[in-house]
Amino acid sequence: MDLFVANDTVANFLFVNKNGKFEEIGEQAGVAYSAEGRPRSGMGVDSADVDQDGWMDLFVATSTTRSTPFIEITRTKPSTMKRCRPG
C-alpha cells in the first residue's frame, strides 16, 4: 500500500506505486465500497501494523452509526474487511 484516500459519497481510493507511476486499485482490492456496494462516508483514516505482519493495516472513520471498517492488508491478499463496532 502506498496511498489510501477515504472519500465521502464516492469510492475510496487505493493507489500503489508501479515503477514510478501510481495505479488506483481500490475496487480491485475490495476497499472502494462497503460490503453492500455503496460508498462509505469516509471522514479520516489511520494506519498501523496491528497484526505485526509487516504490512500496514487501515482504520477508516466514517460519519455513520454503522460499523467502521478495519482493513487488514496482507501479503497474500490486498485486503480483508473486518468491521469494528462503534463506541
Protein backbone atom coordinates (compact mmCIF):
# COMPACT_ATOMS: atom_id res chain seq x y z
CA MET A 1 0.00 0.00 0.00
CA ASP A 2 1.36 3.38 -0.95
CA LEU A 3 -1.59 5.78 -0.59
CA PHE A 4 -5.17 5.31 0.67
CA VAL A 5 -7.79 8.06 0.32
CA ALA A 6 -11.00 7.86 2.38
CA ASN A 7 -13.77 9.64 0.44
CA ASP A 8 -17.29 10.81 1.19
CA THR A 9 -20.10 9.94 -1.30
CA VAL A 10 -17.68 8.40 -3.82
CA ALA A 11 -15.48 5.31 -3.78
CA ASN A 12 -12.34 5.20 -1.62
CA PHE A 13 -9.03 5.14 -3.50
CA LEU A 14 -6.06 2.86 -3.01
CA PHE A 15 -3.01 3.85 -5.04
CA VAL A 16 0.05 1.63 -5.49
CA ASN A 17 3.35 2.74 -6.98
CA LYS A 18 4.25 0.65 -10.00
CA ASN A 19 7.65 1.64 -11.35
CA GLY A 20 7.19 5.33 -10.56
CA LYS A 21 3.57 5.57 -11.73
CA PHE A 22 0.61 5.36 -9.34
CA GLU A 23 -2.21 2.97 -10.21
CA GLU A 24 -5.60 3.14 -8.47
CA ILE A 25 -6.70 -0.36 -7.35
CA GLY A 26 -9.35 0.38 -4.68
CA GLU A 27 -12.15 -1.59 -6.28
CA GLN A 28 -9.87 -4.50 -7.23
CA ALA A 29 -8.53 -4.64 -3.65
CA GLY A 30 -12.04 -4.55 -2.15
CA VAL A 31 -11.63 -1.26 -0.28
CA ALA A 32 -13.52 1.13 -2.58
CA TYR A 33 -17.07 0.38 -1.36
CA SER A 34 -18.91 -1.09 1.60
CA ALA A 35 -19.92 -4.75 1.64
CA GLU A 36 -23.28 -3.56 0.24
CA GLY A 37 -21.55 -1.93 -2.73
CA ARG A 38 -22.10 1.67 -1.59
CA PRO A 39 -19.56 4.44 -0.97
CA ARG A 40 -18.66 4.94 2.68
CA SER A 41 -18.75 8.33 4.37
CA GLY A 42 -15.01 8.42 4.99
CA MET A 43 -14.03 11.10 7.48
CA GLY A 44 -10.45 10.03 8.11
CA VAL A 45 -8.02 7.14 8.07
CA ASP A 46 -5.20 5.89 10.25
CA SER A 47 -2.69 3.13 9.68
CA ALA A 48 -0.67 0.80 11.88
CA ASP A 49 0.72 -2.71 11.65
CA VAL A 50 -1.91 -4.08 14.06
CA ASP A 51 -1.18 -7.77 13.48
CA GLN A 52 2.61 -7.22 13.23
CA ASP A 53 2.95 -8.94 9.85
CA GLY A 54 4.99 -6.14 8.28
CA TRP A 55 2.04 -4.69 6.34
CA MET A 56 0.20 -1.51 7.33
CA ASP A 57 -3.46 -2.04 8.24
CA LEU A 58 -6.09 0.71 7.93
CA PHE A 59 -8.82 2.05 10.20
CA VAL A 60 -11.32 4.21 8.33
CA ALA A 61 -13.51 6.57 10.38
CA THR A 62 -16.99 7.11 8.97
CA SER A 63 -19.77 9.57 9.77
CA THR A 64 -22.43 6.87 10.05
CA THR A 65 -23.51 4.99 13.16
CA ARG A 66 -22.92 1.71 11.36
CA SER A 67 -19.80 -0.31 11.94
CA THR A 68 -16.49 1.27 11.00
CA PRO A 69 -14.31 -0.67 8.58
CA PHE A 70 -10.94 -2.01 9.61
CA ILE A 71 -8.90 -3.05 6.60
CA GLU A 72 -6.26 -5.70 7.14
CA ILE A 73 -3.56 -5.64 4.46
CA THR A 74 -1.85 -8.99 3.98
CA ARG A 75 0.95 -10.27 1.78
CA THR A 76 -1.27 -12.84 0.03
CA LYS A 77 -4.43 -10.73 -0.39
CA PRO A 78 -4.68 -6.98 -0.91
CA SER A 79 -7.21 -6.69 1.90
CA THR A 80 -9.77 -8.36 4.05
CA MET A 81 -12.53 -6.26 5.52
CA LYS A 82 -13.34 -6.52 9.18
CA ARG A 83 -15.96 -4.46 10.96
CA CYS A 84 -15.43 -2.63 14.23
CA ARG A 85 -18.45 -1.72 16.30
CA PRO A 86 -18.74 1.99 17.12
CA GLY A 87 -18.45 3.09 20.72
